[in-house]
N, C-alpha and C. Protein backbone atom coordinates (compact mmCIF):
# COMPACT_ATOMS: atom_id res chain seq x y z
N UNK A 1 -10.77 -4.01 -33.90
CA UNK A 1 -9.41 -4.55 -34.02
C UNK A 1 -8.40 -3.41 -33.96
N UNK A 2 -7.37 -3.60 -33.21
CA UNK A 2 -6.34 -2.58 -33.08
C UNK A 2 -5.55 -2.48 -34.38
N UNK A 3 -5.26 -1.24 -34.74
CA UNK A 3 -4.51 -1.00 -35.96
C UNK A 3 -3.02 -0.90 -35.61
N UNK A 4 -2.19 -0.82 -36.65
CA UNK A 4 -0.77 -0.60 -36.42
C UNK A 4 -0.58 0.78 -35.80
N UNK A 5 0.39 0.88 -34.91
CA UNK A 5 0.69 2.17 -34.30
C UNK A 5 1.53 3.00 -35.25
N UNK A 6 1.10 4.22 -35.46
CA UNK A 6 1.92 5.14 -36.24
C UNK A 6 2.96 5.77 -35.31
N UNK A 7 3.96 6.41 -35.89
CA UNK A 7 4.96 7.10 -35.07
C UNK A 7 4.30 8.18 -34.24
N UNK A 8 3.30 8.84 -34.82
CA UNK A 8 2.58 9.89 -34.10
C UNK A 8 1.80 9.29 -32.92
N UNK A 9 1.16 8.15 -33.15
CA UNK A 9 0.42 7.47 -32.07
C UNK A 9 1.38 7.11 -30.94
N UNK A 10 2.53 6.54 -31.29
CA UNK A 10 3.50 6.14 -30.28
C UNK A 10 3.99 7.35 -29.49
N UNK A 11 4.21 8.46 -30.19
CA UNK A 11 4.66 9.68 -29.51
C UNK A 11 3.58 10.18 -28.55
N UNK A 12 2.33 10.15 -28.99
CA UNK A 12 1.23 10.59 -28.12
C UNK A 12 1.10 9.70 -26.89
N UNK A 13 1.31 8.40 -27.05
CA UNK A 13 1.23 7.46 -25.92
C UNK A 13 2.39 7.70 -24.96
N UNK A 14 3.59 7.93 -25.50
CA UNK A 14 4.75 8.24 -24.66
C UNK A 14 4.50 9.54 -23.89
N UNK A 15 3.94 10.54 -24.55
CA UNK A 15 3.62 11.80 -23.86
C UNK A 15 2.60 11.56 -22.75
N UNK A 16 1.60 10.71 -23.02
CA UNK A 16 0.60 10.36 -22.00
C UNK A 16 1.28 9.71 -20.80
N UNK A 17 2.20 8.79 -21.05
CA UNK A 17 2.91 8.12 -19.97
C UNK A 17 3.78 9.09 -19.17
N UNK A 18 4.40 10.05 -19.86
CA UNK A 18 5.24 11.02 -19.16
C UNK A 18 4.44 11.92 -18.23
N UNK A 19 3.16 12.08 -18.49
CA UNK A 19 2.29 12.91 -17.65
C UNK A 19 1.48 12.06 -16.66
N UNK A 20 1.64 10.76 -16.70
CA UNK A 20 0.82 9.83 -15.90
C UNK A 20 1.06 10.07 -14.42
N UNK A 21 -0.05 10.18 -13.65
CA UNK A 21 0.05 10.45 -12.21
C UNK A 21 -0.59 9.36 -11.35
N UNK A 22 -1.10 8.31 -11.95
CA UNK A 22 -1.89 7.34 -11.22
C UNK A 22 -1.21 5.97 -11.23
N UNK A 23 -1.87 5.03 -10.55
CA UNK A 23 -1.43 3.64 -10.61
C UNK A 23 -1.39 3.23 -12.08
N UNK A 24 -0.33 2.56 -12.48
CA UNK A 24 -0.16 2.22 -13.90
C UNK A 24 -0.08 0.72 -14.10
N UNK A 25 -0.98 0.22 -14.95
CA UNK A 25 -0.93 -1.17 -15.42
C UNK A 25 -1.11 -1.11 -16.92
N UNK A 26 -0.81 -2.22 -17.57
CA UNK A 26 -1.02 -2.25 -19.03
C UNK A 26 -2.50 -2.06 -19.34
N UNK A 27 -3.37 -2.66 -18.57
CA UNK A 27 -4.81 -2.50 -18.81
C UNK A 27 -5.25 -1.05 -18.66
N UNK A 28 -4.70 -0.36 -17.63
CA UNK A 28 -5.02 1.06 -17.43
C UNK A 28 -4.54 1.87 -18.63
N UNK A 29 -3.36 1.55 -19.13
CA UNK A 29 -2.82 2.29 -20.27
C UNK A 29 -3.64 2.03 -21.53
N UNK A 30 -4.03 0.78 -21.76
CA UNK A 30 -4.87 0.46 -22.92
C UNK A 30 -6.17 1.26 -22.85
N UNK A 31 -6.81 1.28 -21.67
CA UNK A 31 -8.06 2.02 -21.51
C UNK A 31 -7.85 3.52 -21.73
N UNK A 32 -6.74 4.07 -21.22
CA UNK A 32 -6.46 5.50 -21.39
C UNK A 32 -6.18 5.83 -22.85
N UNK A 33 -5.52 4.92 -23.57
CA UNK A 33 -5.26 5.16 -25.00
C UNK A 33 -6.57 5.28 -25.77
N UNK A 34 -7.54 4.45 -25.42
CA UNK A 34 -8.84 4.49 -26.10
C UNK A 34 -9.62 5.73 -25.67
N UNK A 35 -9.72 5.94 -24.34
CA UNK A 35 -10.56 7.02 -23.82
C UNK A 35 -9.99 8.40 -24.08
N UNK A 36 -8.69 8.59 -23.82
CA UNK A 36 -8.10 9.92 -23.90
C UNK A 36 -7.52 10.27 -25.26
N UNK A 37 -7.01 9.24 -25.95
CA UNK A 37 -6.33 9.51 -27.22
C UNK A 37 -7.11 9.00 -28.43
N UNK A 38 -8.11 8.16 -28.19
CA UNK A 38 -8.87 7.60 -29.30
C UNK A 38 -8.06 6.61 -30.12
N UNK A 39 -7.07 5.97 -29.49
CA UNK A 39 -6.21 5.01 -30.20
C UNK A 39 -6.54 3.61 -29.69
N UNK A 40 -7.19 2.78 -30.52
CA UNK A 40 -7.49 1.41 -30.09
C UNK A 40 -6.22 0.55 -30.17
N UNK A 41 -5.76 0.06 -29.01
CA UNK A 41 -4.54 -0.75 -28.96
C UNK A 41 -4.75 -1.95 -28.06
N UNK A 42 -3.81 -2.87 -28.12
CA UNK A 42 -3.79 -4.00 -27.20
C UNK A 42 -2.53 -3.88 -26.36
N UNK A 43 -2.52 -4.61 -25.27
CA UNK A 43 -1.35 -4.62 -24.40
C UNK A 43 -0.13 -5.11 -25.18
N UNK A 44 -0.32 -6.14 -25.99
CA UNK A 44 0.78 -6.72 -26.75
C UNK A 44 1.36 -5.70 -27.74
N UNK A 45 0.48 -4.95 -28.38
CA UNK A 45 0.94 -3.97 -29.36
C UNK A 45 1.75 -2.87 -28.66
N UNK A 46 1.31 -2.46 -27.47
CA UNK A 46 2.05 -1.46 -26.71
C UNK A 46 3.39 -2.02 -26.26
N UNK A 47 3.40 -3.26 -25.82
CA UNK A 47 4.61 -3.89 -25.31
C UNK A 47 5.65 -4.10 -26.41
N UNK A 48 5.21 -4.24 -27.63
CA UNK A 48 6.14 -4.46 -28.75
C UNK A 48 6.87 -3.19 -29.17
N UNK A 49 6.30 -2.03 -28.83
CA UNK A 49 6.92 -0.76 -29.20
C UNK A 49 7.96 -0.40 -28.14
N UNK A 50 9.24 -0.35 -28.55
CA UNK A 50 10.33 -0.14 -27.59
C UNK A 50 10.19 1.17 -26.83
N UNK A 51 9.87 2.26 -27.50
CA UNK A 51 9.75 3.56 -26.83
C UNK A 51 8.64 3.52 -25.78
N UNK A 52 7.52 2.93 -26.14
CA UNK A 52 6.40 2.85 -25.21
C UNK A 52 6.75 1.94 -24.03
N UNK A 53 7.35 0.80 -24.33
CA UNK A 53 7.70 -0.15 -23.27
C UNK A 53 8.71 0.47 -22.31
N UNK A 54 9.74 1.13 -22.84
CA UNK A 54 10.75 1.77 -21.98
C UNK A 54 10.12 2.88 -21.13
N UNK A 55 9.27 3.69 -21.74
CA UNK A 55 8.62 4.78 -20.99
C UNK A 55 7.66 4.22 -19.96
N UNK A 56 6.97 3.13 -20.31
CA UNK A 56 6.08 2.47 -19.36
C UNK A 56 6.86 2.04 -18.11
N UNK A 57 8.00 1.37 -18.32
CA UNK A 57 8.81 0.89 -17.20
C UNK A 57 9.37 2.04 -16.37
N UNK A 58 9.80 3.11 -17.02
CA UNK A 58 10.29 4.29 -16.29
C UNK A 58 9.16 4.94 -15.48
N UNK A 59 7.97 4.99 -16.07
CA UNK A 59 6.82 5.58 -15.38
C UNK A 59 6.45 4.74 -14.17
N UNK A 60 6.48 3.41 -14.31
CA UNK A 60 6.20 2.53 -13.18
C UNK A 60 7.18 2.80 -12.03
N UNK A 61 8.45 2.96 -12.36
CA UNK A 61 9.46 3.25 -11.35
C UNK A 61 9.18 4.59 -10.68
N UNK A 62 8.82 5.58 -11.49
CA UNK A 62 8.55 6.92 -10.96
C UNK A 62 7.37 6.90 -10.00
N UNK A 63 6.39 6.08 -10.30
CA UNK A 63 5.16 6.06 -9.49
C UNK A 63 5.20 5.05 -8.36
N UNK A 64 6.28 4.31 -8.25
CA UNK A 64 6.35 3.26 -7.24
C UNK A 64 6.04 3.84 -5.87
N UNK A 65 5.22 3.13 -5.14
CA UNK A 65 4.81 3.57 -3.81
C UNK A 65 5.99 3.45 -2.86
N UNK A 66 6.27 4.54 -2.15
CA UNK A 66 7.37 4.54 -1.19
C UNK A 66 6.85 5.09 0.12
N UNK A 67 7.02 4.31 1.20
CA UNK A 67 6.59 4.76 2.52
C UNK A 67 5.10 4.98 2.57
N UNK A 68 4.69 6.15 3.04
CA UNK A 68 3.28 6.46 3.20
C UNK A 68 2.70 7.20 1.99
N UNK A 69 3.48 7.39 0.95
CA UNK A 69 3.01 8.14 -0.21
C UNK A 69 2.39 7.19 -1.22
N UNK A 70 1.21 7.53 -1.69
CA UNK A 70 0.51 6.69 -2.65
C UNK A 70 0.29 7.47 -3.94
N UNK A 71 0.31 6.74 -5.03
CA UNK A 71 -0.01 7.36 -6.30
C UNK A 71 -1.49 7.76 -6.29
N UNK A 72 -1.81 8.80 -7.01
CA UNK A 72 -3.19 9.27 -7.08
C UNK A 72 -4.05 8.21 -7.76
N UNK A 73 -5.25 7.95 -7.22
CA UNK A 73 -6.11 6.93 -7.84
C UNK A 73 -6.53 7.33 -9.25
N UNK A 74 -6.70 6.33 -10.09
CA UNK A 74 -7.02 6.57 -11.49
C UNK A 74 -8.50 6.87 -11.71
N UNK A 75 -9.36 6.47 -10.78
CA UNK A 75 -10.79 6.72 -10.93
C UNK A 75 -11.43 6.83 -9.56
N UNK A 76 -12.67 7.27 -9.55
CA UNK A 76 -13.40 7.36 -8.29
C UNK A 76 -13.63 5.98 -7.68
N UNK A 77 -13.82 4.97 -8.52
CA UNK A 77 -14.01 3.61 -8.00
C UNK A 77 -12.76 3.13 -7.27
N UNK A 78 -11.59 3.38 -7.83
CA UNK A 78 -10.35 2.98 -7.19
C UNK A 78 -10.17 3.76 -5.89
N UNK A 79 -10.47 5.06 -5.93
CA UNK A 79 -10.37 5.87 -4.71
C UNK A 79 -11.33 5.36 -3.65
N UNK A 80 -12.54 5.02 -4.05
CA UNK A 80 -13.54 4.51 -3.11
C UNK A 80 -13.07 3.19 -2.50
N UNK A 81 -12.51 2.31 -3.32
CA UNK A 81 -12.01 1.03 -2.81
C UNK A 81 -10.88 1.26 -1.81
N UNK A 82 -9.99 2.21 -2.12
CA UNK A 82 -8.89 2.50 -1.21
C UNK A 82 -9.43 3.07 0.10
N UNK A 83 -10.40 3.96 0.02
CA UNK A 83 -11.00 4.55 1.22
C UNK A 83 -11.67 3.47 2.07
N UNK A 84 -12.41 2.58 1.43
CA UNK A 84 -13.08 1.49 2.16
C UNK A 84 -12.06 0.58 2.84
N UNK A 85 -10.97 0.25 2.13
CA UNK A 85 -9.94 -0.61 2.71
C UNK A 85 -9.28 0.07 3.90
N UNK A 86 -8.99 1.37 3.77
CA UNK A 86 -8.37 2.11 4.86
C UNK A 86 -9.31 2.25 6.05
N UNK A 87 -10.61 2.46 5.78
CA UNK A 87 -11.59 2.56 6.86
C UNK A 87 -11.70 1.23 7.60
N UNK A 88 -11.67 0.15 6.85
CA UNK A 88 -11.72 -1.18 7.47
C UNK A 88 -10.49 -1.42 8.32
N UNK A 89 -9.32 -1.06 7.80
CA UNK A 89 -8.08 -1.21 8.56
C UNK A 89 -8.11 -0.34 9.81
N UNK A 90 -8.61 0.89 9.68
CA UNK A 90 -8.72 1.79 10.83
C UNK A 90 -9.61 1.19 11.91
N UNK A 91 -10.76 0.63 11.52
CA UNK A 91 -11.67 0.03 12.48
C UNK A 91 -11.03 -1.16 13.19
N UNK A 92 -10.30 -1.98 12.43
CA UNK A 92 -9.61 -3.12 13.04
C UNK A 92 -8.55 -2.64 14.03
N UNK A 93 -7.80 -1.60 13.67
CA UNK A 93 -6.77 -1.07 14.57
C UNK A 93 -7.39 -0.44 15.82
N UNK A 94 -8.52 0.23 15.65
CA UNK A 94 -9.21 0.78 16.82
C UNK A 94 -9.64 -0.33 17.77
N UNK A 95 -10.17 -1.42 17.21
CA UNK A 95 -10.58 -2.56 18.03
C UNK A 95 -9.40 -3.16 18.77
N UNK A 96 -8.28 -3.33 18.07
CA UNK A 96 -7.08 -3.88 18.70
C UNK A 96 -6.56 -2.94 19.78
N UNK A 97 -6.60 -1.63 19.50
CA UNK A 97 -6.15 -0.64 20.48
C UNK A 97 -7.04 -0.68 21.72
N UNK A 98 -8.35 -0.73 21.54
CA UNK A 98 -9.28 -0.81 22.68
C UNK A 98 -9.00 -2.06 23.51
N UNK A 99 -8.75 -3.17 22.85
CA UNK A 99 -8.44 -4.43 23.55
C UNK A 99 -7.17 -4.26 24.38
N UNK A 100 -6.12 -3.65 23.80
CA UNK A 100 -4.86 -3.48 24.52
C UNK A 100 -5.00 -2.49 25.67
N UNK A 101 -5.79 -1.44 25.49
CA UNK A 101 -6.01 -0.49 26.58
C UNK A 101 -6.71 -1.19 27.75
N UNK A 102 -7.71 -1.99 27.44
CA UNK A 102 -8.44 -2.72 28.49
C UNK A 102 -7.51 -3.72 29.18
N UNK A 103 -6.66 -4.39 28.40
CA UNK A 103 -5.72 -5.35 28.96
C UNK A 103 -4.71 -4.65 29.86
N UNK A 104 -4.21 -3.51 29.43
CA UNK A 104 -3.26 -2.75 30.23
C UNK A 104 -3.91 -2.31 31.54
N UNK A 105 -5.14 -1.83 31.48
CA UNK A 105 -5.85 -1.40 32.70
C UNK A 105 -6.00 -2.58 33.66
N UNK A 106 -6.30 -3.76 33.14
CA UNK A 106 -6.43 -4.96 33.97
C UNK A 106 -5.09 -5.31 34.61
N UNK A 107 -3.98 -5.24 33.84
CA UNK A 107 -2.65 -5.51 34.38
C UNK A 107 -2.27 -4.48 35.45
N UNK A 108 -2.59 -3.21 35.15
CA UNK A 108 -2.28 -2.15 36.10
C UNK A 108 -3.01 -2.39 37.42
N UNK A 109 -4.29 -2.72 37.35
CA UNK A 109 -5.09 -2.98 38.54
C UNK A 109 -4.50 -4.15 39.33
N UNK A 110 -4.20 -5.24 38.64
CA UNK A 110 -3.66 -6.42 39.30
C UNK A 110 -2.27 -6.16 39.90
N UNK A 111 -1.44 -5.39 39.19
CA UNK A 111 -0.10 -5.08 39.70
C UNK A 111 -0.20 -4.22 40.96
N UNK A 112 -1.08 -3.23 40.96
CA UNK A 112 -1.24 -2.37 42.13
C UNK A 112 -1.80 -3.16 43.32
N UNK A 113 -2.72 -4.09 43.06
CA UNK A 113 -3.28 -4.92 44.14
C UNK A 113 -2.23 -5.83 44.75
N UNK A 114 -1.20 -6.16 44.02
CA UNK A 114 -0.14 -7.03 44.53
C UNK A 114 1.05 -6.22 45.06
N UNK A 115 0.89 -4.91 45.10
CA UNK A 115 1.91 -4.05 45.69
C UNK A 115 3.10 -3.77 44.79
N UNK A 116 3.00 -4.00 43.49
CA UNK A 116 4.10 -3.70 42.57
C UNK A 116 4.10 -2.21 42.26
N UNK A 117 5.28 -1.62 42.27
CA UNK A 117 5.39 -0.20 41.93
C UNK A 117 5.63 -0.06 40.43
N UNK A 118 5.46 1.15 39.94
CA UNK A 118 5.72 1.41 38.53
C UNK A 118 7.19 1.14 38.20
N UNK A 119 8.06 1.48 39.14
CA UNK A 119 9.50 1.24 38.94
C UNK A 119 9.77 -0.25 38.76
N UNK A 120 9.14 -1.10 39.55
CA UNK A 120 9.33 -2.55 39.44
C UNK A 120 8.79 -3.07 38.10
N UNK A 121 7.69 -2.50 37.66
CA UNK A 121 7.10 -2.92 36.39
C UNK A 121 7.97 -2.53 35.20
N UNK A 122 8.81 -1.51 35.37
CA UNK A 122 9.65 -1.02 34.27
C UNK A 122 11.01 -1.71 34.21
N UNK A 123 11.29 -2.63 35.14
CA UNK A 123 12.57 -3.34 35.11
C UNK A 123 12.74 -4.04 33.76
N UNK A 124 13.95 -3.98 33.19
CA UNK A 124 14.18 -4.68 31.90
C UNK A 124 14.16 -6.19 32.11
N UNK A 125 13.89 -6.90 31.03
CA UNK A 125 13.93 -8.36 31.09
C UNK A 125 15.37 -8.81 31.21
N UNK A 126 15.61 -9.90 31.92
CA UNK A 126 16.98 -10.44 31.99
C UNK A 126 17.42 -10.90 30.61
N UNK A 127 18.66 -10.60 30.27
CA UNK A 127 19.18 -10.92 28.93
C UNK A 127 19.12 -12.40 28.61
N UNK A 128 19.40 -13.27 29.56
CA UNK A 128 19.42 -14.71 29.28
C UNK A 128 18.03 -15.26 29.00
N UNK A 129 16.97 -14.56 29.40
CA UNK A 129 15.61 -15.06 29.21
C UNK A 129 14.91 -14.45 28.00
N UNK A 130 15.60 -13.59 27.27
CA UNK A 130 14.94 -12.92 26.15
C UNK A 130 14.45 -13.90 25.09
N UNK A 131 15.11 -15.03 24.95
CA UNK A 131 14.66 -16.03 23.99
C UNK A 131 13.36 -16.69 24.41
N UNK A 132 13.02 -16.60 25.69
CA UNK A 132 11.82 -17.24 26.22
C UNK A 132 10.71 -16.23 26.53
N UNK A 133 10.79 -15.05 26.00
CA UNK A 133 9.81 -14.00 26.30
C UNK A 133 8.40 -14.46 25.98
N UNK A 134 8.22 -15.16 24.90
CA UNK A 134 6.88 -15.61 24.51
C UNK A 134 6.37 -16.72 25.43
N UNK A 135 7.26 -17.37 26.18
CA UNK A 135 6.87 -18.46 27.07
C UNK A 135 6.54 -17.98 28.47
N UNK A 136 6.60 -16.67 28.71
CA UNK A 136 6.36 -16.11 30.03
C UNK A 136 4.90 -16.23 30.43
N UNK A 137 3.99 -16.33 29.49
CA UNK A 137 2.55 -16.30 29.75
C UNK A 137 2.17 -17.25 30.90
N UNK A 138 2.68 -18.45 30.92
CA UNK A 138 2.30 -19.42 31.94
C UNK A 138 3.11 -19.29 33.22
N UNK A 139 4.19 -18.49 33.21
CA UNK A 139 5.04 -18.38 34.40
C UNK A 139 4.39 -17.50 35.45
N UNK A 140 4.72 -17.81 36.71
CA UNK A 140 4.20 -16.99 37.81
C UNK A 140 5.31 -16.49 38.66
């Protein structure tokens, strides 16, 4: 059973949050309090402490993922899951890229067989037909 938080416990948890470098959830913080600080707490008990709650929210903002930058994984399992997901995404993108390269080669072959020049292929679409670009597939 979680005990009442002392002022010292709260300060140690706030210090832990200020140094936090990984993905942050209440469950992650509860686990870190037990593992790193030896303080048995619950999410509710942490949330009730204003200093901890405010620091938690500030830390979440600080660690928010922006662009291509990711927070450091909290464990090897999380890192492994991220690596597996990225490898899967990479494989899917490679497959899509191979498909598009093959499709482009087929279009290039067919265009050259019909006497179309590269210059003709680069002509911009007419402005009035831009709304129907997706309907071009069946047009000849």
